């Protein structure tokens, strides 16, 4: 494997494709992986290729970005990556198009898709490689935009246990 390369943000060699009119070489939903040995608590970053429509449009479980998310979970199961941090709404910042209804639909879709993809990976029915030799456990940290309305945040918190079965902790 190659050494990690990190550039300063003001490096002129890092050209933004939006400025020169070129489109990305990778189609929406593509996934690429980078390895990071010099970042605290982060060893691997999955980069999902998205476009501007992801911020505004409603998406379905057949959207290419959802398939990219599935591929990330499949690869993780194959290579032993078990802890994820995922922007729940697949966006970094809230905007005016993100109504409470839009946020709830998006959160429910992502929750249900992640649950299904984890079940697939844990059951060994994933086509990413050989079946797991032991039970795979995932830790997901879902992140919401900082500027999200507190009422939406509360509604999403209430949605979570309706989709994921909560196993009570054993206290001794």
N, C-alpha and C. Protein backbone atom coordinates (compact mmCIF):
# COMPACT_ATOMS: atom_id res chain seq x y z
N UNK A 1 0.83 -1.18 0.00
CA UNK A 1 0.00 0.00 0.00
C UNK A 1 0.88 1.25 0.00
N UNK A 2 0.33 2.31 -0.53
CA UNK A 2 1.06 3.57 -0.58
C UNK A 2 0.98 4.29 0.75
N UNK A 3 1.94 5.18 0.96
CA UNK A 3 1.90 6.03 2.14
C UNK A 3 0.75 7.02 2.03
N UNK A 4 0.27 7.46 3.18
CA UNK A 4 -0.77 8.48 3.20
C UNK A 4 -0.21 9.81 2.72
N UNK A 5 -0.97 10.50 1.92
CA UNK A 5 -0.57 11.82 1.44
C UNK A 5 -1.66 12.80 1.85
N UNK A 6 -1.28 13.82 2.59
CA UNK A 6 -2.23 14.85 3.01
C UNK A 6 -1.70 16.19 2.57
N UNK A 7 -2.54 16.96 1.89
CA UNK A 7 -2.14 18.27 1.40
C UNK A 7 -2.80 19.35 2.24
N UNK A 8 -2.14 20.47 2.31
CA UNK A 8 -2.75 21.62 2.96
C UNK A 8 -3.90 22.10 2.09
N UNK A 9 -4.91 22.70 2.71
CA UNK A 9 -6.08 23.14 1.96
C UNK A 9 -5.77 24.27 0.99
N UNK A 10 -4.70 25.00 1.20
CA UNK A 10 -4.37 26.09 0.29
C UNK A 10 -3.42 25.65 -0.82
N UNK A 11 -3.17 24.37 -0.96
CA UNK A 11 -2.30 23.83 -2.00
C UNK A 11 -2.96 24.04 -3.36
N UNK A 12 -2.27 24.68 -4.29
CA UNK A 12 -2.84 24.96 -5.60
C UNK A 12 -2.97 23.74 -6.48
N UNK A 13 -2.32 22.63 -6.13
CA UNK A 13 -2.42 21.43 -6.95
C UNK A 13 -3.74 20.72 -6.74
N UNK A 14 -4.48 21.09 -5.73
CA UNK A 14 -5.77 20.48 -5.45
C UNK A 14 -6.84 21.35 -6.11
N UNK A 15 -7.16 21.07 -7.37
CA UNK A 15 -8.06 21.91 -8.15
C UNK A 15 -9.48 21.38 -8.03
N UNK A 16 -10.41 22.28 -7.81
CA UNK A 16 -11.82 21.93 -7.72
C UNK A 16 -12.39 21.80 -9.13
N UNK A 17 -13.01 20.67 -9.44
CA UNK A 17 -13.55 20.44 -10.77
C UNK A 17 -14.69 21.39 -11.11
N UNK A 18 -15.41 21.90 -10.11
CA UNK A 18 -16.51 22.82 -10.38
C UNK A 18 -16.01 24.11 -11.01
N UNK A 19 -14.79 24.52 -10.68
CA UNK A 19 -14.27 25.78 -11.19
C UNK A 19 -13.91 25.72 -12.66
N UNK A 20 -13.49 24.55 -13.14
CA UNK A 20 -13.07 24.48 -14.53
C UNK A 20 -14.12 23.84 -15.44
N UNK A 21 -15.31 23.53 -14.91
CA UNK A 21 -16.39 23.02 -15.72
C UNK A 21 -16.35 21.53 -15.96
N UNK A 22 -15.32 20.83 -15.53
CA UNK A 22 -15.23 19.39 -15.73
C UNK A 22 -16.15 18.67 -14.77
N UNK A 23 -16.71 17.59 -15.24
CA UNK A 23 -17.51 16.73 -14.38
C UNK A 23 -16.60 15.70 -13.73
N UNK A 24 -17.03 15.15 -12.65
CA UNK A 24 -16.27 14.13 -11.95
C UNK A 24 -16.08 12.92 -12.86
N UNK A 25 -14.94 12.28 -12.73
CA UNK A 25 -14.68 11.08 -13.51
C UNK A 25 -15.45 9.88 -12.99
N UNK A 26 -15.88 9.95 -11.73
CA UNK A 26 -16.62 8.86 -11.12
C UNK A 26 -18.11 9.17 -11.14
N UNK A 27 -18.94 8.18 -11.48
CA UNK A 27 -20.39 8.44 -11.47
C UNK A 27 -20.94 8.53 -10.05
N UNK A 28 -22.08 9.18 -9.92
CA UNK A 28 -22.75 9.31 -8.62
C UNK A 28 -22.98 7.92 -8.05
N UNK A 29 -22.69 7.76 -6.77
CA UNK A 29 -22.85 6.47 -6.11
C UNK A 29 -21.56 5.67 -6.04
N UNK A 30 -20.53 6.13 -6.76
CA UNK A 30 -19.25 5.44 -6.69
C UNK A 30 -18.65 5.61 -5.30
N UNK A 31 -17.83 4.67 -4.95
CA UNK A 31 -17.22 4.66 -3.63
C UNK A 31 -15.72 4.48 -3.81
N UNK A 32 -14.95 5.29 -3.12
CA UNK A 32 -13.51 5.05 -3.07
C UNK A 32 -13.05 5.16 -1.64
N UNK A 33 -11.97 4.47 -1.34
CA UNK A 33 -11.51 4.32 0.03
C UNK A 33 -10.12 4.91 0.17
N UNK A 34 -9.90 5.63 1.27
CA UNK A 34 -8.56 6.12 1.58
C UNK A 34 -8.18 5.62 2.96
N UNK A 35 -6.90 5.35 3.13
CA UNK A 35 -6.37 4.85 4.40
C UNK A 35 -5.65 5.99 5.10
N UNK A 36 -5.87 6.11 6.40
CA UNK A 36 -5.30 7.22 7.16
C UNK A 36 -4.66 6.70 8.44
N UNK A 37 -3.35 6.76 8.51
CA UNK A 37 -2.66 6.30 9.71
C UNK A 37 -2.30 7.45 10.64
N UNK A 38 -2.42 8.67 10.15
CA UNK A 38 -2.03 9.81 10.97
C UNK A 38 -3.21 10.64 11.46
N UNK A 39 -4.42 10.12 11.37
CA UNK A 39 -5.59 10.80 11.89
C UNK A 39 -6.06 10.08 13.14
N UNK A 40 -6.35 10.81 14.17
CA UNK A 40 -6.77 10.22 15.44
C UNK A 40 -8.10 9.48 15.27
N UNK A 41 -8.13 8.23 15.66
CA UNK A 41 -9.33 7.39 15.68
C UNK A 41 -9.92 7.09 14.30
N UNK A 42 -9.21 7.42 13.24
CA UNK A 42 -9.72 7.15 11.89
C UNK A 42 -8.65 6.40 11.12
N UNK A 43 -8.99 5.21 10.64
CA UNK A 43 -8.04 4.45 9.85
C UNK A 43 -8.44 4.40 8.38
N UNK A 44 -9.74 4.37 8.11
CA UNK A 44 -10.24 4.25 6.75
C UNK A 44 -11.37 5.26 6.57
N UNK A 45 -11.39 5.91 5.41
CA UNK A 45 -12.49 6.80 5.08
C UNK A 45 -13.09 6.33 3.76
N UNK A 46 -14.40 6.10 3.77
CA UNK A 46 -15.13 5.78 2.56
C UNK A 46 -15.68 7.09 2.01
N UNK A 47 -15.35 7.37 0.76
CA UNK A 47 -15.81 8.59 0.10
C UNK A 47 -16.90 8.21 -0.90
N UNK A 48 -18.07 8.76 -0.72
CA UNK A 48 -19.20 8.48 -1.60
C UNK A 48 -19.36 9.65 -2.56
N UNK A 49 -19.38 9.36 -3.86
CA UNK A 49 -19.51 10.40 -4.87
C UNK A 49 -20.99 10.78 -4.97
N UNK A 50 -21.27 12.06 -4.75
CA UNK A 50 -22.65 12.57 -4.80
C UNK A 50 -22.71 13.77 -5.72
N UNK A 51 -23.91 14.24 -5.99
CA UNK A 51 -24.09 15.47 -6.74
C UNK A 51 -25.04 16.39 -5.98
N UNK A 52 -25.26 17.57 -6.50
CA UNK A 52 -26.08 18.59 -5.82
C UNK A 52 -27.52 18.13 -5.62
N UNK A 53 -28.03 17.26 -6.48
CA UNK A 53 -29.43 16.84 -6.36
C UNK A 53 -29.70 16.07 -5.07
N UNK A 54 -28.67 15.49 -4.47
CA UNK A 54 -28.85 14.74 -3.23
C UNK A 54 -29.32 15.64 -2.10
N UNK A 55 -28.98 16.92 -2.15
CA UNK A 55 -29.38 17.86 -1.11
C UNK A 55 -30.85 18.26 -1.22
N UNK A 56 -31.40 18.24 -2.42
CA UNK A 56 -32.74 18.76 -2.63
C UNK A 56 -33.78 17.68 -2.92
N UNK A 57 -33.41 16.69 -3.68
CA UNK A 57 -34.37 15.70 -4.15
C UNK A 57 -34.65 14.63 -3.12
N UNK A 58 -35.84 14.04 -3.24
CA UNK A 58 -36.13 12.84 -2.46
C UNK A 58 -35.50 11.67 -3.21
N UNK A 59 -34.97 10.73 -2.46
CA UNK A 59 -34.32 9.58 -3.08
C UNK A 59 -35.03 8.31 -2.62
N UNK A 60 -34.79 7.23 -3.36
CA UNK A 60 -35.37 5.94 -3.00
C UNK A 60 -34.24 4.97 -2.67
N UNK A 61 -34.61 3.78 -2.27
CA UNK A 61 -33.62 2.77 -1.93
C UNK A 61 -32.83 2.31 -3.16
N UNK A 62 -33.27 2.70 -4.34
CA UNK A 62 -32.57 2.33 -5.57
C UNK A 62 -31.63 3.42 -6.07
N UNK A 63 -31.51 4.49 -5.32
CA UNK A 63 -30.62 5.59 -5.71
C UNK A 63 -29.18 5.09 -5.69
N UNK A 64 -28.34 5.54 -6.62
CA UNK A 64 -26.95 5.09 -6.66
C UNK A 64 -26.18 5.35 -5.36
N UNK A 65 -26.50 6.42 -4.64
CA UNK A 65 -25.81 6.70 -3.38
C UNK A 65 -26.14 5.66 -2.31
N UNK A 66 -27.35 5.15 -2.33
CA UNK A 66 -27.73 4.10 -1.38
C UNK A 66 -26.96 2.82 -1.71
N UNK A 67 -26.78 2.55 -2.99
CA UNK A 67 -25.98 1.39 -3.39
C UNK A 67 -24.52 1.58 -2.97
N UNK A 68 -24.02 2.80 -3.05
CA UNK A 68 -22.66 3.08 -2.58
C UNK A 68 -22.53 2.84 -1.09
N UNK A 69 -23.55 3.21 -0.33
CA UNK A 69 -23.57 2.95 1.11
C UNK A 69 -23.56 1.44 1.37
N UNK A 70 -24.31 0.70 0.60
CA UNK A 70 -24.33 -0.76 0.72
C UNK A 70 -22.93 -1.33 0.45
N UNK A 71 -22.28 -0.82 -0.57
CA UNK A 71 -20.94 -1.30 -0.90
C UNK A 71 -19.95 -1.01 0.23
N UNK A 72 -20.10 0.13 0.88
CA UNK A 72 -19.22 0.46 2.01
C UNK A 72 -19.41 -0.54 3.15
N UNK A 73 -20.64 -0.89 3.44
CA UNK A 73 -20.91 -1.85 4.52
C UNK A 73 -20.41 -3.23 4.13
N UNK A 74 -20.59 -3.62 2.88
CA UNK A 74 -20.10 -4.93 2.42
C UNK A 74 -18.58 -5.00 2.52
N UNK A 75 -17.90 -3.96 2.07
CA UNK A 75 -16.44 -3.94 2.17
C UNK A 75 -15.98 -3.96 3.62
N UNK A 76 -16.69 -3.26 4.45
CA UNK A 76 -16.34 -3.23 5.88
C UNK A 76 -16.45 -4.60 6.50
N UNK A 77 -17.51 -5.31 6.17
CA UNK A 77 -17.68 -6.67 6.71
C UNK A 77 -16.55 -7.57 6.21
N UNK A 78 -16.16 -7.38 4.98
CA UNK A 78 -15.10 -8.21 4.40
C UNK A 78 -13.75 -7.95 5.05
N UNK A 79 -13.46 -6.68 5.38
CA UNK A 79 -12.14 -6.32 5.87
C UNK A 79 -12.09 -5.96 7.34
N UNK A 80 -13.16 -6.21 8.07
CA UNK A 80 -13.14 -6.05 9.52
C UNK A 80 -13.29 -4.64 10.04
N UNK A 81 -13.81 -3.73 9.24
CA UNK A 81 -14.11 -2.37 9.73
C UNK A 81 -15.48 -2.43 10.37
N UNK A 82 -15.56 -2.09 11.65
CA UNK A 82 -16.83 -2.27 12.36
C UNK A 82 -17.43 -0.99 12.93
N UNK A 83 -16.73 0.12 12.87
CA UNK A 83 -17.26 1.36 13.42
C UNK A 83 -17.36 2.40 12.31
N UNK A 84 -18.54 2.98 12.16
CA UNK A 84 -18.83 3.96 11.12
C UNK A 84 -19.33 5.25 11.73
N UNK A 85 -19.06 6.34 11.07
CA UNK A 85 -19.74 7.60 11.31
C UNK A 85 -20.34 8.01 9.98
N UNK A 86 -21.65 8.21 9.98
CA UNK A 86 -22.37 8.45 8.74
C UNK A 86 -23.27 9.67 8.88
N UNK A 87 -23.19 10.63 7.95
CA UNK A 87 -24.16 11.73 7.97
C UNK A 87 -25.54 11.16 7.62
N UNK A 88 -26.43 11.16 8.60
CA UNK A 88 -27.72 10.48 8.46
C UNK A 88 -28.53 10.98 7.27
N UNK A 89 -28.50 12.25 7.01
CA UNK A 89 -29.28 12.80 5.91
C UNK A 89 -28.49 12.84 4.60
N UNK A 90 -27.26 12.32 4.64
CA UNK A 90 -26.33 12.30 3.51
C UNK A 90 -25.95 13.70 3.04
N UNK A 91 -26.06 14.67 3.93
CA UNK A 91 -25.64 16.05 3.65
C UNK A 91 -24.89 16.57 4.86
N UNK A 92 -24.03 17.55 4.64
CA UNK A 92 -23.25 18.11 5.73
C UNK A 92 -23.93 19.27 6.44
N UNK A 93 -24.72 20.04 5.70
CA UNK A 93 -25.37 21.22 6.28
C UNK A 93 -26.84 21.23 5.90
N UNK A 94 -27.66 21.73 6.82
CA UNK A 94 -29.08 21.89 6.54
C UNK A 94 -29.28 23.11 5.64
N UNK A 95 -30.30 23.05 4.79
CA UNK A 95 -30.65 24.22 3.98
C UNK A 95 -32.16 24.40 3.97
N UNK A 96 -32.64 25.42 3.28
CA UNK A 96 -34.06 25.76 3.31
C UNK A 96 -34.95 24.70 2.66
N UNK A 97 -34.40 23.86 1.81
CA UNK A 97 -35.19 22.82 1.15
C UNK A 97 -35.48 21.64 2.07
N UNK A 98 -34.78 21.56 3.17
CA UNK A 98 -34.91 20.42 4.08
C UNK A 98 -36.02 20.67 5.09
N UNK A 99 -37.23 20.41 4.66
CA UNK A 99 -38.39 20.57 5.54
C UNK A 99 -38.39 19.43 6.56
N UNK A 100 -39.14 19.57 7.64
CA UNK A 100 -39.23 18.46 8.60
C UNK A 100 -39.66 17.15 7.94
N UNK A 101 -40.62 17.23 7.03
CA UNK A 101 -41.09 16.02 6.33
C UNK A 101 -39.96 15.40 5.50
N UNK A 102 -39.20 16.23 4.79
CA UNK A 102 -38.08 15.75 3.98
C UNK A 102 -37.04 15.06 4.87
N UNK A 103 -36.71 15.69 6.00
CA UNK A 103 -35.71 15.14 6.93
C UNK A 103 -36.16 13.79 7.49
N UNK A 104 -37.43 13.68 7.85
CA UNK A 104 -37.92 12.43 8.42
C UNK A 104 -37.93 11.31 7.38
N UNK A 105 -38.35 11.62 6.16
CA UNK A 105 -38.34 10.60 5.10
C UNK A 105 -36.91 10.14 4.81
N UNK A 106 -35.98 11.09 4.74
CA UNK A 106 -34.59 10.74 4.45
C UNK A 106 -34.00 9.91 5.59
N UNK A 107 -34.25 10.32 6.84
CA UNK A 107 -33.72 9.58 8.00
C UNK A 107 -34.28 8.17 8.03
N UNK A 108 -35.58 8.03 7.79
CA UNK A 108 -36.20 6.70 7.80
C UNK A 108 -35.60 5.82 6.71
N UNK A 109 -35.42 6.38 5.52
CA UNK A 109 -34.82 5.62 4.42
C UNK A 109 -33.42 5.14 4.78
N UNK A 110 -32.59 6.03 5.29
CA UNK A 110 -31.21 5.66 5.62
C UNK A 110 -31.19 4.64 6.75
N UNK A 111 -31.98 4.85 7.79
CA UNK A 111 -32.05 3.88 8.89
C UNK A 111 -32.41 2.49 8.36
N UNK A 112 -33.47 2.41 7.56
CA UNK A 112 -33.94 1.11 7.06
C UNK A 112 -32.92 0.47 6.12
N UNK A 113 -32.30 1.26 5.27
CA UNK A 113 -31.30 0.70 4.35
C UNK A 113 -30.08 0.21 5.11
N UNK A 114 -29.59 1.00 6.06
CA UNK A 114 -28.43 0.59 6.85
C UNK A 114 -28.75 -0.69 7.62
N UNK A 115 -29.94 -0.77 8.19
CA UNK A 115 -30.33 -1.98 8.93
C UNK A 115 -30.31 -3.19 7.99
N UNK A 116 -30.90 -3.05 6.83
CA UNK A 116 -30.91 -4.16 5.87
C UNK A 116 -29.52 -4.55 5.41
N UNK A 117 -28.67 -3.57 5.14
CA UNK A 117 -27.32 -3.85 4.69
C UNK A 117 -26.50 -4.52 5.79
N UNK A 118 -26.70 -4.10 7.03
CA UNK A 118 -25.99 -4.73 8.15
C UNK A 118 -26.46 -6.17 8.33
N UNK A 119 -27.76 -6.40 8.21
CA UNK A 119 -28.28 -7.77 8.34
C UNK A 119 -27.71 -8.66 7.24
N UNK A 120 -27.64 -8.13 6.04
CA UNK A 120 -27.07 -8.87 4.92
C UNK A 120 -25.61 -9.22 5.18
N UNK A 121 -24.84 -8.23 5.62
CA UNK A 121 -23.41 -8.45 5.87
C UNK A 121 -23.19 -9.41 7.02
N UNK A 122 -24.00 -9.30 8.07
CA UNK A 122 -23.83 -10.16 9.25
C UNK A 122 -24.28 -11.59 8.99
N UNK A 123 -25.21 -11.77 8.06
CA UNK A 123 -25.70 -13.12 7.80
C UNK A 123 -24.76 -13.89 6.88
N UNK A 124 -23.83 -13.19 6.27
CA UNK A 124 -22.91 -13.85 5.36
C UNK A 124 -23.46 -13.97 3.96
N UNK A 125 -24.64 -13.40 3.70
CA UNK A 125 -25.21 -13.49 2.35
C UNK A 125 -24.70 -12.39 1.44
N UNK A 126 -23.79 -11.57 1.95
CA UNK A 126 -23.21 -10.52 1.13
C UNK A 126 -22.32 -11.14 0.06
N UNK A 127 -22.30 -10.53 -1.10
CA UNK A 127 -21.45 -11.02 -2.19
C UNK A 127 -20.07 -10.40 -2.15
N UNK A 128 -19.72 -9.75 -1.04
CA UNK A 128 -18.43 -9.08 -0.95
C UNK A 128 -17.28 -10.07 -0.79
N UNK A 129 -17.55 -11.29 -0.47
CA UNK A 129 -16.48 -12.25 -0.27
C UNK A 129 -16.99 -13.44 0.49
N UNK A 130 -16.09 -14.12 1.13
CA UNK A 130 -16.44 -15.31 1.90
C UNK A 130 -17.33 -14.93 3.08
N UNK A 131 -18.13 -15.89 3.57
CA UNK A 131 -18.97 -15.60 4.72
C UNK A 131 -18.12 -15.29 5.94
N UNK A 132 -18.64 -14.46 6.85
CA UNK A 132 -17.86 -14.12 8.03
C UNK A 132 -17.58 -15.35 8.87
N UNK A 133 -16.39 -15.39 9.45
CA UNK A 133 -16.02 -16.53 10.28
C UNK A 133 -16.62 -16.42 11.67
N UNK A 134 -16.98 -15.23 12.08
CA UNK A 134 -17.61 -15.00 13.38
C UNK A 134 -18.70 -13.95 13.19
N UNK A 135 -19.55 -13.83 14.17
CA UNK A 135 -20.61 -12.84 14.09
C UNK A 135 -20.01 -11.45 14.00
N UNK A 136 -20.47 -10.69 13.02
CA UNK A 136 -19.99 -9.33 12.83
C UNK A 136 -20.90 -8.37 13.58
N UNK A 137 -20.30 -7.46 14.32
CA UNK A 137 -21.05 -6.43 15.03
C UNK A 137 -20.59 -5.08 14.51
N UNK A 138 -21.56 -4.23 14.20
CA UNK A 138 -21.25 -2.89 13.72
C UNK A 138 -21.65 -1.85 14.75
N UNK A 139 -20.88 -0.79 14.82
CA UNK A 139 -21.22 0.39 15.61
C UNK A 139 -21.41 1.54 14.63
N UNK A 140 -22.62 2.07 14.57
CA UNK A 140 -22.90 3.19 13.68
C UNK A 140 -23.12 4.44 14.50
N UNK A 141 -22.45 5.50 14.11
CA UNK A 141 -22.67 6.83 14.69
C UNK A 141 -23.33 7.66 13.60
N UNK A 142 -24.60 7.95 13.78
CA UNK A 142 -25.32 8.77 12.81
C UNK A 142 -25.17 10.23 13.21
N UNK A 143 -24.75 11.05 12.25
CA UNK A 143 -24.49 12.46 12.51
C UNK A 143 -25.53 13.31 11.79
N UNK A 144 -26.05 14.30 12.50
CA UNK A 144 -27.00 15.24 11.91
C UNK A 144 -26.34 16.61 11.77
N UNK A 145 -26.78 17.42 10.80
CA UNK A 145 -26.21 18.76 10.66
C UNK A 145 -26.39 19.58 11.94
N UNK A 146 -25.40 20.39 12.27
CA UNK A 146 -25.45 21.21 13.49
C UNK A 146 -26.63 22.17 13.49
N UNK A 147 -26.96 22.71 12.34
CA UNK A 147 -28.00 23.74 12.27
C UNK A 147 -29.40 23.18 12.05
N UNK A 148 -29.61 21.90 12.33
CA UNK A 148 -30.92 21.28 12.19
C UNK A 148 -31.83 21.72 13.34
N UNK A 149 -33.09 21.93 13.04
CA UNK A 149 -34.05 22.35 14.07
C UNK A 149 -34.13 21.29 15.17
N UNK A 150 -34.26 21.72 16.40
CA UNK A 150 -34.29 20.78 17.53
C UNK A 150 -35.51 19.87 17.48
N UNK A 151 -36.62 20.34 16.92
CA UNK A 151 -37.81 19.48 16.82
C UNK A 151 -37.57 18.31 15.86
N UNK A 152 -36.85 18.57 14.78
CA UNK A 152 -36.52 17.50 13.83
C UNK A 152 -35.58 16.50 14.49
N UNK A 153 -34.62 17.01 15.20
CA UNK A 153 -33.68 16.15 15.93
C UNK A 153 -34.45 15.22 16.88
N UNK A 154 -35.39 15.76 17.63
CA UNK A 154 -36.18 14.97 18.57
C UNK A 154 -37.02 13.91 17.85
N UNK A 155 -37.63 14.29 16.73
CA UNK A 155 -38.44 13.33 15.96
C UNK A 155 -37.58 12.19 15.42
N UNK A 156 -36.36 12.50 14.98
CA UNK A 156 -35.46 11.46 14.47
C UNK A 156 -35.05 10.53 15.61
N UNK A 157 -34.79 11.09 16.79
CA UNK A 157 -34.47 10.25 17.95
C UNK A 157 -35.61 9.29 18.27
N UNK A 158 -36.83 9.75 18.16
CA UNK A 158 -37.99 8.91 18.44
C UNK A 158 -38.19 7.86 17.35
N UNK A 159 -37.75 8.14 16.14
CA UNK A 159 -37.87 7.20 15.02
C UNK A 159 -36.91 6.02 15.17
N UNK A 160 -35.73 6.26 15.72
CA UNK A 160 -34.68 5.24 15.78
C UNK A 160 -35.15 3.92 16.40
N UNK A 161 -35.74 3.90 17.61
CA UNK A 161 -36.12 2.61 18.19
C UNK A 161 -37.29 1.92 17.49
N UNK A 162 -37.99 2.61 16.60
CA UNK A 162 -39.05 1.95 15.84
C UNK A 162 -38.47 1.12 14.70
N UNK A 163 -37.23 1.39 14.32
CA UNK A 163 -36.58 0.67 13.22
C UNK A 163 -35.55 -0.32 13.73
N UNK A 164 -34.76 0.08 14.71
CA UNK A 164 -33.72 -0.78 15.26
C UNK A 164 -34.19 -1.37 16.58
N UNK A 165 -34.02 -2.67 16.71
CA UNK A 165 -34.36 -3.35 17.97
C UNK A 165 -33.30 -3.00 19.00
N UNK A 166 -33.73 -2.46 20.10
CA UNK A 166 -32.81 -2.06 21.16
C UNK A 166 -32.66 -3.20 22.15
N UNK A 167 -31.45 -3.71 22.29
CA UNK A 167 -31.16 -4.78 23.23
C UNK A 167 -30.74 -4.15 24.55
N UNK A 168 -31.44 -4.47 25.63
CA UNK A 168 -31.05 -3.87 26.91
C UNK A 168 -29.68 -4.37 27.36
N UNK A 169 -28.92 -3.50 27.98
CA UNK A 169 -27.60 -3.87 28.48
C UNK A 169 -27.75 -4.70 29.73
N UNK A 170 -26.83 -5.61 29.92
CA UNK A 170 -26.80 -6.43 31.13
C UNK A 170 -25.91 -5.73 32.14
N UNK A 171 -26.47 -5.46 33.31
CA UNK A 171 -25.72 -4.79 34.36
C UNK A 171 -25.51 -5.78 35.48
N UNK A 172 -24.27 -5.96 35.89
CA UNK A 172 -23.97 -6.92 36.97
C UNK A 172 -23.36 -6.20 38.14
